[in-house]
Amino acid sequence: KWIIVLAAVGIHICIGAVYAWSVFTRPIMQYMGVSLKDVQFAFSIAILFLGFSASFLGKYVEKHGSKKAGLAATFFYVTGMFGTGLAIYLKSLPLLYLFYGAIGGIGLGIGYITPVSTLVKWFPKNRGFATGCAIMGFGFAAMIAGPLIQTLMGYLPLYYVPVVMGAIYLVIMTISALQFKLPQFVEHHAASRILSKGYTAKRALRRWQFYALWLMLFINIF
């Protein structure tokens, strides 16, 4: 199960690099001749799609399993990074919004929930610790990605940097996703059985605690 933890951190340390977007902003502004608002909007779209895809693709993760979900996250996120390089090369804001924002954002959402969903099944009595390990990777990612992106910018044209980063993410995320599996005591049962007091989505939406938690997270992210 500790290999699963490392795999979860591997996924999150890649997708968490989204928080290093600020390293790209000024060089993209200068290269594409656009405003800060235009460049930052790509980040906003990515986070928006992270939320939507995490919400509405949760069923996909439970239905198809964490390994397939991890590979799907890899596909969308890496495609988004490769497309970002193309968008910068063509100096196209719509392509930047499409690839980094929408497509990359879908990869972020699936990649965010897949490790968490998997870890709670491996650590039913220590869910907070297990999911915290994955989220640690998400938060720690910018410390690694930021300096790496800056270094690459010193050697490569700007539009190559997202492509190189995407290639690195492709390797790490693919290896990590292939490690995912459910523990034997969960494989033949509904995922919710592991939680003694779980709620369906419809039942959760009828409880005030859901909206309190939602509001707390909204304010935190804001």
C-alpha atoms as a PDB file:
ATOM      1  CA  LYS A   1       0.000   0.000   0.000  1.00  0.00           C
ATOM      2  CA  TRP A   2       2.967   2.342   0.407  1.00  0.00           C
ATOM      3  CA  ILE A   3       3.651   1.969  -3.305  1.00  0.00           C
ATOM      4  CA  ILE A   4       0.096   3.261  -3.848  1.00  0.00           C
ATOM      5  CA  VAL A   5       0.940   6.253  -1.637  1.00  0.00           C
ATOM      6  CA  LEU A   6       4.042   7.002  -3.718  1.00  0.00           C
ATOM      7  CA  ALA A   7       2.008   6.640  -6.911  1.00  0.00           C
ATOM      8  CA  ALA A   8      -0.599   9.055  -5.554  1.00  0.00           C
ATOM      9  CA  VAL A   9       2.111  11.583  -4.698  1.00  0.00           C
ATOM     10  CA  GLY A  10       3.558  11.062  -8.185  1.00  0.00           C
ATOM     11  CA  ILE A  11       0.249  12.009  -9.817  1.00  0.00           C
ATOM     12  CA  HIS A  12      -0.328  15.000  -7.554  1.00  0.00           C
ATOM     13  CA  ILE A  13       3.215  16.326  -7.822  1.00  0.00           C
ATOM     14  CA  CYS A  14       2.681  16.542 -11.591  1.00  0.00           C
ATOM     15  CA  ILE A  15      -0.781  18.085 -11.694  1.00  0.00           C
ATOM     16  CA  GLY A  16       0.076  20.389  -8.785  1.00  0.00           C
ATOM     17  CA  ALA A  17       2.513  22.137 -11.106  1.00  0.00           C
ATOM     18  CA  VAL A  18      -0.529  24.117 -12.267  1.00  0.00           C
ATOM     19  CA  TYR A  19       0.275  26.429  -9.355  1.00  0.00           C
ATOM     20  CA  ALA A  20       3.566  27.303 -11.036  1.00  0.00           C
ATOM     21  CA  TRP A  21       1.645  28.997 -13.860  1.00  0.00           C
ATOM     22  CA  SER A  22       2.794  32.399 -12.593  1.00  0.00           C
ATOM     23  CA  VAL A  23       6.301  31.537 -13.811  1.00  0.00           C
ATOM     24  CA  PHE A  24       4.883  31.451 -17.349  1.00  0.00           C
ATOM     25  CA  THR A  25       2.807  34.621 -17.203  1.00  0.00           C
ATOM     26  CA  ARG A  26       5.352  37.366 -17.933  1.00  0.00           C
ATOM     27  CA  PRO A  27       7.239  35.427 -20.655  1.00  0.00           C
ATOM     28  CA  ILE A  28       3.916  34.571 -22.364  1.00  0.00           C
ATOM     29  CA  MET A  29       2.794  38.196 -22.127  1.00  0.00           C
ATOM     30  CA  GLN A  30       5.980  39.341 -23.821  1.00  0.00           C
ATOM     31  CA  TYR A  31       6.050  36.584 -26.446  1.00  0.00           C
ATOM     32  CA  MET A  32       2.358  36.748 -27.412  1.00  0.00           C
ATOM     33  CA  GLY A  33       1.897  40.464 -26.839  1.00  0.00           C
ATOM     34  CA  VAL A  34      -1.104  40.058 -24.530  1.00  0.00           C
ATOM     35  CA  SER A  35      -2.087  41.420 -21.125  1.00  0.00           C
ATOM     36  CA  LEU A  36      -1.678  39.840 -17.696  1.00  0.00           C
ATOM     37  CA  LYS A  37      -5.448  39.443 -17.492  1.00  0.00           C
ATOM     38  CA  ASP A  38      -5.465  37.459 -20.748  1.00  0.00           C
ATOM     39  CA  VAL A  39      -2.754  35.059 -19.554  1.00  0.00           C
ATOM     40  CA  GLN A  40      -4.154  34.597 -16.056  1.00  0.00           C
ATOM     41  CA  PHE A  41      -7.568  33.725 -17.498  1.00  0.00           C
ATOM     42  CA  ALA A  42      -6.081  30.440 -18.747  1.00  0.00           C
ATOM     43  CA  PHE A  43      -5.281  29.512 -15.140  1.00  0.00           C
ATOM     44  CA  SER A  44      -8.801  30.432 -14.041  1.00  0.00           C
ATOM     45  CA  ILE A  45     -10.304  28.189 -16.716  1.00  0.00           C
ATOM     46  CA  ALA A  46      -8.024  25.318 -15.672  1.00  0.00           C
ATOM     47  CA  ILE A  47      -9.116  25.562 -12.043  1.00  0.00           C
ATOM     48  CA  LEU A  48     -12.764  25.864 -13.097  1.00  0.00           C
ATOM     49  CA  PHE A  49     -12.519  22.680 -15.173  1.00  0.00           C
ATOM     50  CA  LEU A  50     -10.660  20.994 -12.311  1.00  0.00           C
ATOM     51  CA  GLY A  51     -13.723  21.557 -10.151  1.00  0.00           C
ATOM     52  CA  PHE A  52     -16.282  20.528 -12.745  1.00  0.00           C
ATOM     53  CA  SER A  53     -14.440  17.397 -13.848  1.00  0.00           C
ATOM     54  CA  ALA A  54     -13.757  16.343 -10.262  1.00  0.00           C
ATOM     55  CA  SER A  55     -17.463  16.726  -9.512  1.00  0.00           C
ATOM     56  CA  PHE A  56     -18.989  15.080 -12.557  1.00  0.00           C
ATOM     57  CA  LEU A  57     -16.373  12.431 -13.372  1.00  0.00           C
ATOM     58  CA  GLY A  58     -16.280  10.878  -9.918  1.00  0.00           C
ATOM     59  CA  LYS A  59     -18.611   8.153 -11.186  1.00  0.00           C
ATOM     60  CA  TYR A  60     -16.141   7.411 -14.002  1.00  0.00           C
ATOM     61  CA  VAL A  61     -13.382   6.812 -11.460  1.00  0.00           C
ATOM     62  CA  GLU A  62     -15.535   4.445  -9.408  1.00  0.00           C
ATOM     63  CA  LYS A  63     -16.889   2.620 -12.466  1.00  0.00           C
ATOM     64  CA  HIS A  64     -13.680   2.099 -14.438  1.00  0.00           C
ATOM     65  CA  GLY A  65     -11.185   1.870 -11.593  1.00  0.00           C
ATOM     66  CA  SER A  66      -8.286   3.982 -10.465  1.00  0.00           C
ATOM     67  CA  LYS A  67      -5.793   2.647 -13.010  1.00  0.00           C
ATOM     68  CA  LYS A  68      -7.885   3.634 -16.039  1.00  0.00           C
ATOM     69  CA  ALA A  69      -8.830   6.906 -14.379  1.00  0.00           C
ATOM     70  CA  GLY A  70      -5.173   7.670 -13.701  1.00  0.00           C
ATOM     71  CA  LEU A  71      -4.289   7.001 -17.329  1.00  0.00           C
ATOM     72  CA  ALA A  72      -7.210   9.180 -18.463  1.00  0.00           C
ATOM     73  CA  ALA A  73      -5.918  11.981 -16.234  1.00  0.00           C
ATOM     74  CA  THR A  74      -2.483  11.537 -17.777  1.00  0.00           C
ATOM     75  CA  PHE A  75      -3.891  11.743 -21.304  1.00  0.00           C
ATOM     76  CA  PHE A  76      -5.854  14.942 -20.723  1.00  0.00           C
ATOM     77  CA  TYR A  77      -3.202  16.696 -18.648  1.00  0.00           C
ATOM     78  CA  VAL A  78      -0.308  15.877 -20.967  1.00  0.00           C
ATOM     79  CA  THR A  79      -2.376  16.726 -24.050  1.00  0.00           C
ATOM     80  CA  GLY A  80      -3.106  20.056 -22.405  1.00  0.00           C
ATOM     81  CA  MET A  81       0.601  20.712 -21.878  1.00  0.00           C
ATOM     82  CA  PHE A  82       1.549  19.750 -25.433  1.00  0.00           C
ATOM     83  CA  GLY A  83      -1.275  21.913 -26.768  1.00  0.00           C
ATOM     84  CA  THR A  84      -0.101  24.799 -24.591  1.00  0.00           C
ATOM     85  CA  GLY A  85       3.229  24.712 -26.389  1.00  0.00           C
ATOM     86  CA  LEU A  86       1.394  24.842 -29.725  1.00  0.00           C
ATOM     87  CA  ALA A  87      -0.807  27.711 -28.552  1.00  0.00           C
ATOM     88  CA  ILE A  88       2.232  29.759 -27.484  1.00  0.00           C
ATOM     89  CA  TYR A  89       4.009  29.000 -30.770  1.00  0.00           C
ATOM     90  CA  LEU A  90       0.958  30.156 -32.763  1.00  0.00           C
ATOM     91  CA  LYS A  91       0.342  33.060 -30.350  1.00  0.00           C
ATOM     92  CA  SER A  92      -3.271  31.961 -30.010  1.00  0.00           C
ATOM     93  CA  LEU A  93      -5.196  32.782 -26.831  1.00  0.00           C
ATOM     94  CA  PRO A  94      -8.217  30.607 -27.798  1.00  0.00           C
ATOM     95  CA  LEU A  95      -5.921  27.586 -28.153  1.00  0.00           C
ATOM     96  CA  LEU A  96      -4.260  28.452 -24.847  1.00  0.00           C
ATOM     97  CA  TYR A  97      -7.654  28.513 -23.143  1.00  0.00           C
ATOM     98  CA  LEU A  98      -8.685  25.274 -24.835  1.00  0.00           C
ATOM     99  CA  PHE A  99      -5.567  23.238 -24.124  1.00  0.00           C
ATOM    100  CA  TYR A 100      -4.237  24.593 -20.832  1.00  0.00           C
ATOM    101  CA  GLY A 101      -7.622  25.627 -19.495  1.00  0.00           C
ATOM    102  CA  ALA A 102     -10.248  23.111 -20.618  1.00  0.00           C
ATOM    103  CA  ILE A 103      -8.356  19.961 -21.630  1.00  0.00           C
ATOM    104  CA  GLY A 104      -5.605  20.327 -19.052  1.00  0.00           C
ATOM    105  CA  GLY A 105      -8.223  21.219 -16.448  1.00  0.00           C
ATOM    106  CA  ILE A 106     -10.092  17.972 -17.049  1.00  0.00           C
ATOM    107  CA  GLY A 107      -6.838  16.121 -16.454  1.00  0.00           C
ATOM    108  CA  LEU A 108      -6.380  18.088 -13.246  1.00  0.00           C
ATOM    109  CA  GLY A 109      -9.815  17.120 -11.973  1.00  0.00           C
ATOM    110  CA  ILE A 110      -9.526  13.408 -12.705  1.00  0.00           C
ATOM    111  CA  GLY A 111      -5.945  13.375 -11.487  1.00  0.00           C
ATOM    112  CA  TYR A 112      -6.927  15.097  -8.255  1.00  0.00           C
ATOM    113  CA  ILE A 113      -9.707  12.721  -7.198  1.00  0.00           C
ATOM    114  CA  THR A 114      -8.267   9.415  -8.435  1.00  0.00           C
ATOM    115  CA  PRO A 115      -5.398   9.125  -5.911  1.00  0.00           C
ATOM    116  CA  VAL A 116      -7.641  10.314  -3.070  1.00  0.00           C
ATOM    117  CA  SER A 117     -10.397   7.853  -3.985  1.00  0.00           C
ATOM    118  CA  THR A 118      -7.853   5.042  -4.112  1.00  0.00           C
ATOM    119  CA  LEU A 119      -6.038   5.869  -0.883  1.00  0.00           C
ATOM    120  CA  VAL A 120      -9.162   5.998   1.289  1.00  0.00           C
ATOM    121  CA  LYS A 121      -9.795   2.372   0.354  1.00  0.00           C
ATOM    122  CA  TRP A 122      -6.269   1.305   1.292  1.00  0.00           C
ATOM    123  CA  PHE A 123      -6.304   3.251   4.572  1.00  0.00           C
ATOM    124  CA  PRO A 124      -9.904   2.949   5.835  1.00  0.00           C
ATOM    125  CA  LYS A 125      -8.865   3.748   9.400  1.00  0.00           C
ATOM    126  CA  ASN A 126      -6.404   6.529   8.492  1.00  0.00           C
ATOM    127  CA  ARG A 127      -8.163   8.307   5.663  1.00  0.00           C
ATOM    128  CA  GLY A 128      -6.992  11.763   6.700  1.00  0.00           C
ATOM    129  CA  PHE A 129      -3.347  10.703   6.806  1.00  0.00           C
ATOM    130  CA  ALA A 130      -3.529   8.885   3.486  1.00  0.00           C
ATOM    131  CA  THR A 131      -5.260  11.638   1.551  1.00  0.00           C
ATOM    132  CA  GLY A 132      -3.019  14.213   3.229  1.00  0.00           C
ATOM    133  CA  CYS A 133       0.012  12.469   1.734  1.00  0.00           C
ATOM    134  CA  ALA A 134      -1.404  12.917  -1.760  1.00  0.00           C
ATOM    135  CA  ILE A 135      -2.422  16.535  -1.197  1.00  0.00           C
ATOM    136  CA  MET A 136       1.078  17.183   0.144  1.00  0.00           C
ATOM    137  CA  GLY A 137       2.389  16.315  -3.316  1.00  0.00           C
ATOM    138  CA  PHE A 138      -0.096  18.716  -4.903  1.00  0.00           C
ATOM    139  CA  GLY A 139       1.048  21.586  -2.705  1.00  0.00           C
ATOM    140  CA  PHE A 140       4.739  20.738  -2.944  1.00  0.00           C
ATOM    141  CA  ALA A 141       4.693  20.570  -6.751  1.00  0.00           C
ATOM    142  CA  ALA A 142       5.149  24.283  -7.422  1.00  0.00           C
ATOM    143  CA  MET A 143       8.403  24.281  -5.431  1.00  0.00           C
ATOM    144  CA  ILE A 144       9.795  21.771  -7.903  1.00  0.00           C
ATOM    145  CA  ALA A 145       8.115  22.889 -11.124  1.00  0.00           C
ATOM    146  CA  GLY A 146       8.803  26.614 -10.709  1.00  0.00           C
ATOM    147  CA  PRO A 147      12.618  26.445 -10.675  1.00  0.00           C
ATOM    148  CA  LEU A 148      12.609  23.697 -13.318  1.00  0.00           C
ATOM    149  CA  ILE A 149      10.488  25.794 -15.687  1.00  0.00           C
ATOM    150  CA  GLN A 150      12.757  28.802 -15.155  1.00  0.00           C
ATOM    151  CA  THR A 151      15.823  26.682 -15.888  1.00  0.00           C
ATOM    152  CA  LEU A 152      14.297  25.306 -19.082  1.00  0.00           C
ATOM    153  CA  MET A 153      13.415  28.818 -20.210  1.00  0.00           C
ATOM    154  CA  GLY A 154      17.112  29.650 -20.082  1.00  0.00           C
ATOM    155  CA  TYR A 155      17.924  26.940 -22.622  1.00  0.00           C
ATOM    156  CA  LEU A 156      14.833  26.481 -24.786  1.00  0.00           C
ATOM    157  CA  PRO A 157      12.388  28.644 -26.742  1.00  0.00           C
ATOM    158  CA  LEU A 158       9.328  29.417 -24.614  1.00  0.00           C
ATOM    159  CA  TYR A 159       6.946  27.223 -26.622  1.00  0.00           C
ATOM    160  CA  TYR A 160       9.143  24.152 -26.069  1.00  0.00           C
ATOM    161  CA  VAL A 161       9.027  24.402 -22.273  1.00  0.00           C
ATOM    162  CA  PRO A 162       5.422  23.137 -21.804  1.00  0.00           C
ATOM    163  CA  VAL A 163       6.189  20.303 -24.228  1.00  0.00           C
ATOM    164  CA  VAL A 164       9.250  19.189 -22.245  1.00  0.00           C
ATOM    165  CA  MET A 165       7.310  19.466 -18.984  1.00  0.00           C
ATOM    166  CA  GLY A 166       4.485  17.473 -20.558  1.00  0.00           C
ATOM    167  CA  ALA A 167       6.918  14.729 -21.558  1.00  0.00           C
ATOM    168  CA  ILE A 168       8.214  14.542 -17.980  1.00  0.00           C
ATOM    169  CA  TYR A 169       4.660  14.399 -16.647  1.00  0.00           C
ATOM    170  CA  LEU A 170       3.797  11.683 -19.169  1.00  0.00           C
ATOM    171  CA  VAL A 171       6.483   9.378 -17.781  1.00  0.00           C
ATOM    172  CA  ILE A 172       5.816  10.038 -14.091  1.00  0.00           C
ATOM    173  CA  MET A 173       2.015   9.947 -14.326  1.00  0.00           C
ATOM    174  CA  THR A 174       1.921   6.829 -16.501  1.00  0.00           C
ATOM    175  CA  ILE A 175       4.200   4.897 -14.159  1.00  0.00           C
ATOM    176  CA  SER A 176       2.191   6.124 -11.167  1.00  0.00           C
ATOM    177  CA  ALA A 177      -1.209   5.315 -12.698  1.00  0.00           C
ATOM    178  CA  LEU A 178      -0.134   1.763 -13.553  1.00  0.00           C
ATOM    179  CA  GLN A 179       0.552   1.132  -9.853  1.00  0.00           C
ATOM    180  CA  PHE A 180      -3.023   1.878  -8.831  1.00  0.00           C
ATOM    181  CA  LYS A 181      -5.251  -0.986  -7.775  1.00  0.00           C
ATOM    182  CA  LEU A 182      -7.820  -1.651  -5.097  1.00  0.00           C
ATOM    183  CA  PRO A 183      -7.115  -3.801  -2.050  1.00  0.00           C
ATOM    184  CA  GLN A 184      -8.521  -7.318  -2.307  1.00  0.00           C
ATOM    185  CA  PHE A 185     -11.233  -6.700   0.250  1.00  0.00           C
ATOM    186  CA  VAL A 186     -12.667  -3.904  -1.901  1.00  0.00           C
ATOM    187  CA  GLU A 187     -12.309  -5.316  -5.401  1.00  0.00           C
ATOM    188  CA  HIS A 188     -15.559  -7.315  -5.317  1.00  0.00           C
ATOM    189  CA  HIS A 189     -17.685  -4.880  -3.365  1.00  0.00           C
ATOM    190  CA  ALA A 190     -19.131  -1.433  -3.848  1.00  0.00           C
ATOM    191  CA  ALA A 191     -16.564   1.197  -2.976  1.00  0.00           C
ATOM    192  CA  SER A 192     -18.882   2.800  -0.444  1.00  0.00           C
ATOM    193  CA  ARG A 193     -18.977  -0.365   1.700  1.00  0.00           C
ATOM    194  CA  ILE A 194     -15.607   0.548   3.182  1.00  0.00           C
ATOM    195  CA  LEU A 195     -17.121   3.667   4.756  1.00  0.00           C
ATOM    196  CA  SER A 196     -19.494   2.858   7.580  1.00  0.00           C
ATOM    197  CA  LYS A 197     -21.443   6.126   7.294  1.00  0.00           C
ATOM    198  CA  GLY A 198     -21.167   7.034   3.634  1.00  0.00           C
ATOM    199  CA  TYR A 199     -23.759   9.075   1.732  1.00  0.00           C
ATOM    200  CA  THR A 200     -24.882   9.022  -1.849  1.00  0.00           C
ATOM    201  CA  ALA A 201     -24.519  12.271  -3.774  1.00  0.00           C
ATOM    202  CA  LYS A 202     -28.275  12.943  -3.602  1.00  0.00           C
ATOM    203  CA  ARG A 203     -28.383  12.343   0.145  1.00  0.00           C
ATOM    204  CA  ALA A 204     -25.335  14.535   0.711  1.00  0.00           C
ATOM    205  CA  LEU A 205     -26.934  17.405  -1.203  1.00  0.00           C
ATOM    206  CA  ARG A 206     -29.814  17.385   1.278  1.00  0.00           C
ATOM    207  CA  ARG A 207     -27.552  17.995   4.270  1.00  0.00           C
ATOM    208  CA  TRP A 208     -26.477  21.457   5.417  1.00  0.00           C
ATOM    209  CA  GLN A 209     -23.002  20.154   6.272  1.00  0.00           C
ATOM    210  CA  PHE A 210     -22.300  19.634   2.573  1.00  0.00           C
ATOM    211  CA  TYR A 211     -22.939  23.294   1.818  1.00  0.00           C
ATOM    212  CA  ALA A 212     -20.929  24.410   4.849  1.00  0.00           C
ATOM    213  CA  LEU A 213     -17.950  22.384   3.644  1.00  0.00           C
ATOM    214  CA  TRP A 214     -18.442  23.659   0.104  1.00  0.00           C
ATOM    215  CA  LEU A 215     -18.496  27.262   1.307  1.00  0.00           C
ATOM    216  CA  MET A 216     -15.375  26.781   3.422  1.00  0.00           C
ATOM    217  CA  LEU A 217     -13.464  25.370   0.454  1.00  0.00           C
ATOM    218  CA  PHE A 218     -14.801  28.103  -1.852  1.00  0.00           C
ATOM    219  CA  ILE A 219     -13.553  30.835   0.474  1.00  0.00           C
ATOM    220  CA  ASN A 220     -10.212  29.061   0.901  1.00  0.00           C
ATOM    221  CA  ILE A 221      -9.630  28.749  -2.852  1.00  0.00           C
ATOM    222  CA  PHE A 222     -10.852  32.292  -3.488  1.00  0.00           C
END
